[in-house]
Amino acid sequence: MSRPAFGPLLFFAIAFALSLYFTFAAVQGDYGLFRRAEIIGEANDLRAQLIEVRADVARMENLTQRLSDDYLDLDLLDEQARRVLGMVRADEIVIR
């Protein structure tokens, strides 16, 4: 009596199924190639935002330093006071 040769066939079928699963997981999974590309794109966007925020912080630090007790920029103080109070001189024209 001969035995059916399902052993090697079953082994290759299981090995093939597992290789398909791991290939799919490597490409589409939570830690796969597509997710890595998304993370790299998000990181680049966040780096650009960081550059913008650092520029805003530098600008604000400059304005703060110019209005500090140690160094007072009278033109900036005048501009800020006029903006907050909504005041103009009689000889000025306001264009909005």
PDB file of N, CA and C in Angstrom:
ATOM      1  N   MET A   1       0.819  -1.156   0.000  1.00  0.00           N
ATOM      2  CA  MET A   1       0.000   0.000   0.000  1.00  0.00           C
ATOM      3  C   MET A   1       0.883   1.246   0.000  1.00  0.00           C
ATOM      4  N   SER A   2       0.572   2.164  -0.885  1.00  0.00           N
ATOM      5  CA  SER A   2       1.382   3.374  -0.957  1.00  0.00           C
ATOM      6  C   SER A   2       0.673   4.518  -0.228  1.00  0.00           C
ATOM      7  N   ARG A   3       1.483   5.355   0.356  1.00  0.00           N
ATOM      8  CA  ARG A   3       0.935   6.503   1.092  1.00  0.00           C
ATOM      9  C   ARG A   3       0.816   7.702   0.152  1.00  0.00           C
ATOM     10  N   PRO A   4      -0.208   8.505   0.330  1.00  0.00           N
ATOM     11  CA  PRO A   4      -0.327   9.697  -0.522  1.00  0.00           C
ATOM     12  C   PRO A   4       0.804  10.687  -0.209  1.00  0.00           C
ATOM     13  N   ALA A   5       1.235  11.413  -1.213  1.00  0.00           N
ATOM     14  CA  ALA A   5       2.353  12.345  -1.063  1.00  0.00           C
ATOM     15  C   ALA A   5       1.839  13.742  -0.714  1.00  0.00           C
ATOM     16  N   PHE A   6       1.010  13.816   0.312  1.00  0.00           N
ATOM     17  CA  PHE A   6       0.476  15.112   0.724  1.00  0.00           C
ATOM     18  C   PHE A   6       1.430  15.845   1.654  1.00  0.00           C
ATOM     19  N   GLY A   7       2.348  15.158   2.279  1.00  0.00           N
ATOM     20  CA  GLY A   7       3.277  15.774   3.234  1.00  0.00           C
ATOM     21  C   GLY A   7       4.090  16.896   2.616  1.00  0.00           C
ATOM     22  N   PRO A   8       4.852  16.642   1.551  1.00  0.00           N
ATOM     23  CA  PRO A   8       5.639  17.718   0.945  1.00  0.00           C
ATOM     24  C   PRO A   8       4.764  18.810   0.345  1.00  0.00           C
ATOM     25  N   LEU A   9       3.626  18.413  -0.238  1.00  0.00           N
ATOM     26  CA  LEU A   9       2.731  19.397  -0.824  1.00  0.00           C
ATOM     27  C   LEU A   9       2.141  20.309   0.250  1.00  0.00           C
ATOM     28  N   LEU A  10       1.746  19.722   1.365  1.00  0.00           N
ATOM     29  CA  LEU A  10       1.203  20.495   2.479  1.00  0.00           C
ATOM     30  C   LEU A  10       2.269  21.423   3.060  1.00  0.00           C
ATOM     31  N   PHE A  11       3.489  20.917   3.189  1.00  0.00           N
ATOM     32  CA  PHE A  11       4.590  21.739   3.696  1.00  0.00           C
ATOM     33  C   PHE A  11       4.814  22.966   2.808  1.00  0.00           C
ATOM     34  N   PHE A  12       4.850  22.766   1.487  1.00  0.00           N
ATOM     35  CA  PHE A  12       5.070  23.882   0.572  1.00  0.00           C
ATOM     36  C   PHE A  12       3.885  24.848   0.552  1.00  0.00           C
ATOM     37  N   ALA A  13       2.693  24.324   0.705  1.00  0.00           N
ATOM     38  CA  ALA A  13       1.517  25.195   0.748  1.00  0.00           C
ATOM     39  C   ALA A  13       1.550  26.078   1.991  1.00  0.00           C
ATOM     40  N   ILE A  14       1.885  25.491   3.134  1.00  0.00           N
ATOM     41  CA  ILE A  14       1.986  26.274   4.375  1.00  0.00           C
ATOM     42  C   ILE A  14       3.134  27.275   4.286  1.00  0.00           C
ATOM     43  N   ALA A  15       4.269  26.856   3.756  1.00  0.00           N
ATOM     44  CA  ALA A  15       5.419  27.755   3.611  1.00  0.00           C
ATOM     45  C   ALA A  15       5.076  28.910   2.671  1.00  0.00           C
ATOM     46  N   PHE A  16       4.357  28.613   1.586  1.00  0.00           N
ATOM     47  CA  PHE A  16       3.956  29.654   0.648  1.00  0.00           C
ATOM     48  C   PHE A  16       2.990  30.639   1.297  1.00  0.00           C
ATOM     49  N   ALA A  17       2.018  30.118   2.043  1.00  0.00           N
ATOM     50  CA  ALA A  17       1.047  30.981   2.725  1.00  0.00           C
ATOM     51  C   ALA A  17       1.740  31.879   3.748  1.00  0.00           C
ATOM     52  N   LEU A  18       2.664  31.326   4.500  1.00  0.00           N
ATOM     53  CA  LEU A  18       3.398  32.120   5.482  1.00  0.00           C
ATOM     54  C   LEU A  18       4.263  33.180   4.807  1.00  0.00           C
ATOM     55  N   SER A  19       4.886  32.822   3.710  1.00  0.00           N
ATOM     56  CA  SER A  19       5.713  33.808   3.010  1.00  0.00           C
ATOM     57  C   SER A  19       4.851  34.933   2.448  1.00  0.00           C
ATOM     58  N   LEU A  20       3.649  34.617   1.961  1.00  0.00           N
ATOM     59  CA  LEU A  20       2.732  35.660   1.507  1.00  0.00           C
ATOM     60  C   LEU A  20       2.323  36.565   2.654  1.00  0.00           C
ATOM     61  N   TYR A  21       2.022  35.966   3.800  1.00  0.00           N
ATOM     62  CA  TYR A  21       1.623  36.750   4.972  1.00  0.00           C
ATOM     63  C   TYR A  21       2.738  37.697   5.407  1.00  0.00           C
ATOM     64  N   PHE A  22       3.949  37.200   5.523  1.00  0.00           N
ATOM     65  CA  PHE A  22       5.050  38.034   5.982  1.00  0.00           C
ATOM     66  C   PHE A  22       5.426  39.095   4.947  1.00  0.00           C
ATOM     67  N   THR A  23       5.298  38.773   3.669  1.00  0.00           N
ATOM     68  CA  THR A  23       5.550  39.766   2.630  1.00  0.00           C
ATOM     69  C   THR A  23       4.510  40.882   2.702  1.00  0.00           C
ATOM     70  N   PHE A  24       3.239  40.503   2.867  1.00  0.00           N
ATOM     71  CA  PHE A  24       2.180  41.496   3.006  1.00  0.00           C
ATOM     72  C   PHE A  24       2.410  42.364   4.239  1.00  0.00           C
ATOM     73  N   ALA A  25       2.767  41.746   5.361  1.00  0.00           N
ATOM     74  CA  ALA A  25       3.012  42.494   6.595  1.00  0.00           C
ATOM     75  C   ALA A  25       4.210  43.429   6.441  1.00  0.00           C
ATOM     76  N   ALA A  26       5.218  43.004   5.709  1.00  0.00           N
ATOM     77  CA  ALA A  26       6.398  43.840   5.522  1.00  0.00           C
ATOM     78  C   ALA A  26       6.095  45.064   4.656  1.00  0.00           C
ATOM     79  N   VAL A  27       5.111  44.956   3.793  1.00  0.00           N
ATOM     80  CA  VAL A  27       4.782  46.068   2.913  1.00  0.00           C
ATOM     81  C   VAL A  27       3.639  46.908   3.488  1.00  0.00           C
ATOM     82  N   GLN A  28       2.568  46.269   3.923  1.00  0.00           N
ATOM     83  CA  GLN A  28       1.355  46.963   4.324  1.00  0.00           C
ATOM     84  C   GLN A  28       1.162  47.084   5.837  1.00  0.00           C
ATOM     85  N   GLY A  29       1.918  46.404   6.622  1.00  0.00           N
ATOM     86  CA  GLY A  29       1.680  46.345   8.061  1.00  0.00           C
ATOM     87  C   GLY A  29       1.978  47.639   8.797  1.00  0.00           C
ATOM     88  N   ASP A  30       1.795  47.607  10.119  1.00  0.00           N
ATOM     89  CA  ASP A  30       2.022  48.780  10.952  1.00  0.00           C
ATOM     90  C   ASP A  30       3.465  49.257  10.898  1.00  0.00           C
ATOM     91  N   TYR A  31       4.374  48.370  10.672  1.00  0.00           N
ATOM     92  CA  TYR A  31       5.795  48.714  10.587  1.00  0.00           C
ATOM     93  C   TYR A  31       6.346  48.450   9.185  1.00  0.00           C
ATOM     94  N   GLY A  32       5.470  48.455   8.193  1.00  0.00           N
ATOM     95  CA  GLY A  32       5.858  48.126   6.826  1.00  0.00           C
ATOM     96  C   GLY A  32       6.429  49.307   6.069  1.00  0.00           C
ATOM     97  N   LEU A  33       6.714  49.061   4.806  1.00  0.00           N
ATOM     98  CA  LEU A  33       7.341  50.064   3.956  1.00  0.00           C
ATOM     99  C   LEU A  33       6.437  51.274   3.706  1.00  0.00           C
ATOM    100  N   PHE A  34       5.145  51.043   3.506  1.00  0.00           N
ATOM    101  CA  PHE A  34       4.232  52.154   3.264  1.00  0.00           C
ATOM    102  C   PHE A  34       4.111  53.037   4.498  1.00  0.00           C
ATOM    103  N   ARG A  35       4.032  52.409   5.663  1.00  0.00           N
ATOM    104  CA  ARG A  35       3.949  53.186   6.909  1.00  0.00           C
ATOM    105  C   ARG A  35       5.234  53.978   7.127  1.00  0.00           C
ATOM    106  N   ARG A  36       6.354  53.400   6.764  1.00  0.00           N
ATOM    107  CA  ARG A  36       7.639  54.112   6.890  1.00  0.00           C
ATOM    108  C   ARG A  36       7.652  55.348   6.002  1.00  0.00           C
ATOM    109  N   ALA A  37       7.138  55.225   4.785  1.00  0.00           N
ATOM    110  CA  ALA A  37       7.067  56.371   3.878  1.00  0.00           C
ATOM    111  C   ALA A  37       6.161  57.460   4.457  1.00  0.00           C
ATOM    112  N   GLU A  38       5.043  57.062   5.068  1.00  0.00           N
ATOM    113  CA  GLU A  38       4.149  58.032   5.705  1.00  0.00           C
ATOM    114  C   GLU A  38       4.857  58.744   6.854  1.00  0.00           C
ATOM    115  N   ILE A  39       5.583  58.007   7.659  1.00  0.00           N
ATOM    116  CA  ILE A  39       6.288  58.587   8.798  1.00  0.00           C
ATOM    117  C   ILE A  39       7.355  59.558   8.327  1.00  0.00           C
ATOM    118  N   ILE A  40       8.074  59.212   7.266  1.00  0.00           N
ATOM    119  CA  ILE A  40       9.104  60.111   6.734  1.00  0.00           C
ATOM    120  C   ILE A  40       8.454  61.399   6.220  1.00  0.00           C
ATOM    121  N   GLY A  41       7.322  61.277   5.541  1.00  0.00           N
ATOM    122  CA  GLY A  41       6.605  62.468   5.069  1.00  0.00           C
ATOM    123  C   GLY A  41       6.133  63.341   6.215  1.00  0.00           C
ATOM    124  N   GLU A  42       5.578  62.722   7.270  1.00  0.00           N
ATOM    125  CA  GLU A  42       5.138  63.479   8.434  1.00  0.00           C
ATOM    126  C   GLU A  42       6.319  64.154   9.122  1.00  0.00           C
ATOM    127  N   ALA A  43       7.449  63.469   9.189  1.00  0.00           N
ATOM    128  CA  ALA A  43       8.640  64.044   9.818  1.00  0.00           C
ATOM    129  C   ALA A  43       9.115  65.268   9.034  1.00  0.00           C
ATOM    130  N   ASN A  44       9.075  65.200   7.715  1.00  0.00           N
ATOM    131  CA  ASN A  44       9.474  66.354   6.898  1.00  0.00           C
ATOM    132  C   ASN A  44       8.528  67.532   7.107  1.00  0.00           C
ATOM    133  N   ASP A  45       7.217  67.256   7.197  1.00  0.00           N
ATOM    134  CA  ASP A  45       6.246  68.316   7.465  1.00  0.00           C
ATOM    135  C   ASP A  45       6.497  68.946   8.839  1.00  0.00           C
ATOM    136  N   LEU A  46       6.774  68.121   9.832  1.00  0.00           N
ATOM    137  CA  LEU A  46       7.027  68.637  11.172  1.00  0.00           C
ATOM    138  C   LEU A  46       8.317  69.441  11.232  1.00  0.00           C
ATOM    139  N   ARG A  47       9.324  69.033  10.459  1.00  0.00           N
ATOM    140  CA  ARG A  47      10.569  69.823  10.405  1.00  0.00           C
ATOM    141  C   ARG A  47      10.298  71.203   9.810  1.00  0.00           C
ATOM    142  N   ALA A  48       9.471  71.262   8.769  1.00  0.00           N
ATOM    143  CA  ALA A  48       9.124  72.554   8.165  1.00  0.00           C
ATOM    144  C   ALA A  48       8.358  73.422   9.162  1.00  0.00           C
ATOM    145  N   GLN A  49       7.434  72.823   9.904  1.00  0.00           N
ATOM    146  CA  GLN A  49       6.703  73.567  10.930  1.00  0.00           C
ATOM    147  C   GLN A  49       7.645  74.063  12.017  1.00  0.00           C
ATOM    148  N   LEU A  50       8.619  73.239  12.396  1.00  0.00           N
ATOM    149  CA  LEU A  50       9.588  73.629  13.419  1.00  0.00           C
ATOM    150  C   LEU A  50      10.394  74.841  12.961  1.00  0.00           C
ATOM    151  N   ILE A  51      10.785  74.872  11.700  1.00  0.00           N
ATOM    152  CA  ILE A  51      11.528  76.009  11.171  1.00  0.00           C
ATOM    153  C   ILE A  51      10.674  77.279  11.243  1.00  0.00           C
ATOM    154  N   GLU A  52       9.386  77.159  10.882  1.00  0.00           N
ATOM    155  CA  GLU A  52       8.486  78.314  10.951  1.00  0.00           C
ATOM    156  C   GLU A  52       8.306  78.786  12.388  1.00  0.00           C
ATOM    157  N   VAL A  53       8.130  77.862  13.305  1.00  0.00           N
ATOM    158  CA  VAL A  53       7.933  78.225  14.714  1.00  0.00           C
ATOM    159  C   VAL A  53       9.188  78.876  15.273  1.00  0.00           C
ATOM    160  N   ARG A  54      10.354  78.350  14.926  1.00  0.00           N
ATOM    161  CA  ARG A  54      11.597  78.967  15.397  1.00  0.00           C
ATOM    162  C   ARG A  54      11.746  80.386  14.852  1.00  0.00           C
ATOM    163  N   ALA A  55      11.348  80.611  13.605  1.00  0.00           N
ATOM    164  CA  ALA A  55      11.401  81.966  13.043  1.00  0.00           C
ATOM    165  C   ALA A  55      10.446  82.894  13.783  1.00  0.00           C
ATOM    166  N   ASP A  56       9.241  82.403  14.105  1.00  0.00           N
ATOM    167  CA  ASP A  56       8.287  83.211  14.869  1.00  0.00           C
ATOM    168  C   ASP A  56       8.823  83.530  16.262  1.00  0.00           C
ATOM    169  N   VAL A  57       9.435  82.547  16.901  1.00  0.00           N
ATOM    170  CA  VAL A  57       9.996  82.766  18.233  1.00  0.00           C
ATOM    171  C   VAL A  57      11.115  83.794  18.178  1.00  0.00           C
ATOM    172  N   ALA A  58      11.972  83.700  17.174  1.00  0.00           N
ATOM    173  CA  ALA A  58      13.062  84.671  17.032  1.00  0.00           C
ATOM    174  C   ALA A  58      12.505  86.075  16.814  1.00  0.00           C
ATOM    175  N   ARG A  59      11.459  86.184  15.997  1.00  0.00           N
ATOM    176  CA  ARG A  59      10.843  87.491  15.756  1.00  0.00           C
ATOM    177  C   ARG A  59      10.237  88.049  17.038  1.00  0.00           C
ATOM    178  N   MET A  60       9.540  87.200  17.792  1.00  0.00           N
ATOM    179  CA  MET A  60       8.928  87.649  19.042  1.00  0.00           C
ATOM    180  C   MET A  60       9.979  88.015  20.090  1.00  0.00           C
ATOM    181  N   GLU A  61      11.061  87.244  20.145  1.00  0.00           N
ATOM    182  CA  GLU A  61      12.140  87.581  21.076  1.00  0.00           C
ATOM    183  C   GLU A  61      12.757  88.925  20.722  1.00  0.00           C
ATOM    184  N   ASN A  62      12.897  89.202  19.430  1.00  0.00           N
ATOM    185  CA  ASN A  62      13.434  90.483  18.986  1.00  0.00           C
ATOM    186  C   ASN A  62      12.509  91.622  19.407  1.00  0.00           C
ATOM    187  N   LEU A  63      11.211  91.450  19.173  1.00  0.00           N
ATOM    188  CA  LEU A  63      10.259  92.486  19.562  1.00  0.00           C
ATOM    189  C   LEU A  63      10.239  92.681  21.078  1.00  0.00           C
ATOM    190  N   THR A  64      10.291  91.578  21.818  1.00  0.00           N
ATOM    191  CA  THR A  64      10.299  91.662  23.275  1.00  0.00           C
ATOM    192  C   THR A  64      11.542  92.378  23.773  1.00  0.00           C
ATOM    193  N   GLN A  65      12.683  92.075  23.177  1.00  0.00           N
ATOM    194  CA  GLN A  65      13.928  92.724  23.576  1.00  0.00           C
ATOM    195  C   GLN A  65      13.884  94.213  23.244  1.00  0.00           C
ATOM    196  N   ARG A  66      13.259  94.562  22.126  1.00  0.00           N
ATOM    197  CA  ARG A  66      13.180  95.965  21.728  1.00  0.00           C
ATOM    198  C   ARG A  66      12.233  96.767  22.608  1.00  0.00           C
ATOM    199  N   LEU A  67      11.341  96.095  23.331  1.00  0.00           N
ATOM    200  CA  LEU A  67      10.434  96.793  24.250  1.00  0.00           C
ATOM    201  C   LEU A  67      10.822  96.590  25.714  1.00  0.00           C
ATOM    202  N   SER A  68      11.985  96.034  25.970  1.00  0.00           N
ATOM    203  CA  SER A  68      12.390  95.766  27.351  1.00  0.00           C
ATOM    204  C   SER A  68      12.913  97.037  28.016  1.00  0.00           C
ATOM    205  N   ASP A  69      13.158  96.944  29.315  1.00  0.00           N
ATOM    206  CA  ASP A  69      13.662  98.085  30.073  1.00  0.00           C
ATOM    207  C   ASP A  69      15.098  98.428  29.687  1.00  0.00           C
ATOM    208  N   ASP A  70      15.870  97.428  29.282  1.00  0.00           N
ATOM    209  CA  ASP A  70      17.270  97.660  28.939  1.00  0.00           C
ATOM    210  C   ASP A  70      17.431  98.382  27.604  1.00  0.00           C
ATOM    211  N   TYR A  71      16.540  98.130  26.681  1.00  0.00           N
ATOM    212  CA  TYR A  71      16.637  98.704  25.346  1.00  0.00           C
ATOM    213  C   TYR A  71      15.232  99.040  24.895  1.00  0.00           C
ATOM    214  N   LEU A  72      14.948 100.296  24.700  1.00  0.00           N
ATOM    215  CA  LEU A  72      13.598 100.711  24.332  1.00  0.00           C
ATOM    216  C   LEU A  72      13.619 101.343  22.945  1.00  0.00           C
ATOM    217  N   ASP A  73      12.938 100.714  22.012  1.00  0.00           N
ATOM    218  CA  ASP A  73      12.801 101.238  20.657  1.00  0.00           C
ATOM    219  C   ASP A  73      11.554 102.117  20.633  1.00  0.00           C
ATOM    220  N   LEU A  74      11.757 103.414  20.585  1.00  0.00           N
ATOM    221  CA  LEU A  74      10.635 104.347  20.682  1.00  0.00           C
ATOM    222  C   LEU A  74       9.688 104.239  19.489  1.00  0.00           C
ATOM    223  N   ASP A  75      10.225 103.960  18.314  1.00  0.00           N
ATOM    224  CA  ASP A  75       9.349 103.799  17.145  1.00  0.00           C
ATOM    225  C   ASP A  75       8.423 102.597  17.314  1.00  0.00           C
ATOM    226  N   LEU A  76       8.966 101.499  17.793  1.00  0.00           N
ATOM    227  CA  LEU A  76       8.144 100.311  18.010  1.00  0.00           C
ATOM    228  C   LEU A  76       7.132 100.562  19.118  1.00  0.00           C
ATOM    229  N   LEU A  77       7.537 101.234  20.177  1.00  0.00           N
ATOM    230  CA  LEU A  77       6.617 101.555  21.266  1.00  0.00           C
ATOM    231  C   LEU A  77       5.483 102.429  20.757  1.00  0.00           C
ATOM    232  N   ASP A  78       5.811 103.428  19.935  1.00  0.00           N
ATOM    233  CA  ASP A  78       4.801 104.308  19.356  1.00  0.00           C
ATOM    234  C   ASP A  78       3.837 103.521  18.478  1.00  0.00           C
ATOM    235  N   GLU A  79       4.386 102.635  17.658  1.00  0.00           N
ATOM    236  CA  GLU A  79       3.545 101.807  16.771  1.00  0.00           C
ATOM    237  C   GLU A  79       2.606 100.915  17.570  1.00  0.00           C
ATOM    238  N   GLN A  80       3.127 100.274  18.605  1.00  0.00           N
ATOM    239  CA  GLN A  80       2.302  99.386  19.424  1.00  0.00           C
ATOM    240  C   GLN A  80       1.214 100.167  20.169  1.00  0.00           C
ATOM    241  N   ALA A  81       1.570 101.312  20.714  1.00  0.00           N
ATOM    242  CA  ALA A  81       0.591 102.125  21.443  1.00  0.00           C
ATOM    243  C   ALA A  81      -0.515 102.602  20.513  1.00  0.00           C
ATOM    244  N   ARG A  82      -0.146 103.023  19.313  1.00  0.00           N
ATOM    245  CA  ARG A  82      -1.162 103.472  18.361  1.00  0.00           C
ATOM    246  C   ARG A  82      -2.086 102.327  17.934  1.00  0.00           C
ATOM    247  N   ARG A  83      -1.503 101.132  17.745  1.00  0.00           N
ATOM    248  CA  ARG A  83      -2.314  99.988  17.336  1.00  0.00           C
ATOM    249  C   ARG A  83      -3.290  99.598  18.443  1.00  0.00           C
ATOM    250  N   VAL A  84      -2.812  99.564  19.683  1.00  0.00           N
ATOM    251  CA  VAL A  84      -3.663  99.137  20.798  1.00  0.00           C
ATOM    252  C   VAL A  84      -4.727 100.192  21.106  1.00  0.00           C
ATOM    253  N   LEU A  85      -4.327 101.439  21.134  1.00  0.00           N
ATOM    254  CA  LEU A  85      -5.245 102.508  21.508  1.00  0.00           C
ATOM    255  C   LEU A  85      -6.080 103.021  20.342  1.00  0.00           C
ATOM    256  N   GLY A  86      -5.643 102.731  19.113  1.00  0.00           N
ATOM    257  CA  GLY A  86      -6.386 103.199  17.941  1.00  0.00           C
ATOM    258  C   GLY A  86      -6.286 104.701  17.756  1.00  0.00           C
ATOM    259  N   MET A  87      -5.181 105.295  18.138  1.00  0.00           N
ATOM    260  CA  MET A  87      -5.001 106.744  18.086  1.00  0.00           C
ATOM    261  C   MET A  87      -4.116 107.131  16.891  1.00  0.00           C
ATOM    262  N   VAL A  88      -4.388 108.316  16.334  1.00  0.00           N
ATOM    263  CA  VAL A  88      -3.544 108.890  15.292  1.00  0.00           C
ATOM    264  C   VAL A  88      -3.397 110.378  15.576  1.00  0.00           C
ATOM    265  N   ARG A  89      -2.349 110.957  15.034  1.00  0.00           N
ATOM    266  CA  ARG A  89      -2.174 112.408  15.160  1.00  0.00           C
ATOM    267  C   ARG A  89      -3.065 113.120  14.146  1.00  0.00           C
ATOM    268  N   ALA A  90      -3.250 114.392  14.374  1.00  0.00           N
ATOM    269  CA  ALA A  90      -4.116 115.176  13.494  1.00  0.00           C
ATOM    270  C   ALA A  90      -3.542 115.301  12.086  1.00  0.00           C
ATOM    271  N   ASP A  91      -2.206 115.252  11.971  1.00  0.00           N
ATOM    272  CA  ASP A  91      -1.586 115.432  10.662  1.00  0.00           C
ATOM    273  C   ASP A  91      -1.325 114.111   9.940  1.00  0.00           C
ATOM    274  N   GLU A  92      -1.854 113.005  10.422  1.00  0.00           N
ATOM    275  CA  GLU A  92      -1.611 111.685   9.811  1.00  0.00           C
ATOM    276  C   GLU A  92      -2.830 111.230   9.032  1.00  0.00           C
ATOM    277  N   ILE A  93      -2.563 110.417   8.031  1.00  0.00           N
ATOM    278  CA  ILE A  93      -3.630 109.790   7.243  1.00  0.00           C
ATOM    279  C   ILE A  93      -3.510 108.283   7.455  1.00  0.00           C
ATOM    280  N   VAL A  94      -4.633 107.652   7.781  1.00  0.00           N
ATOM    281  CA  VAL A  94      -4.644 106.214   8.042  1.00  0.00           C
ATOM    282  C   VAL A  94      -5.213 105.497   6.829  1.00  0.00           C
ATOM    283  N   ILE A  95      -4.463 104.547   6.312  1.00  0.00           N
ATOM    284  CA  ILE A  95      -4.921 103.751   5.175  1.00  0.00           C
ATOM    285  C   ILE A  95      -5.063 102.317   5.674  1.00  0.00           C
ATOM    286  N   ARG A  96      -6.255 101.761   5.524  1.00  0.00           N
ATOM    287  CA  ARG A  96      -6.520 100.390   5.983  1.00  0.00           C
ATOM    288  C   ARG A  96      -6.986  99.534   4.852  1.00  0.00           C
TER     289      ARG A  96
END
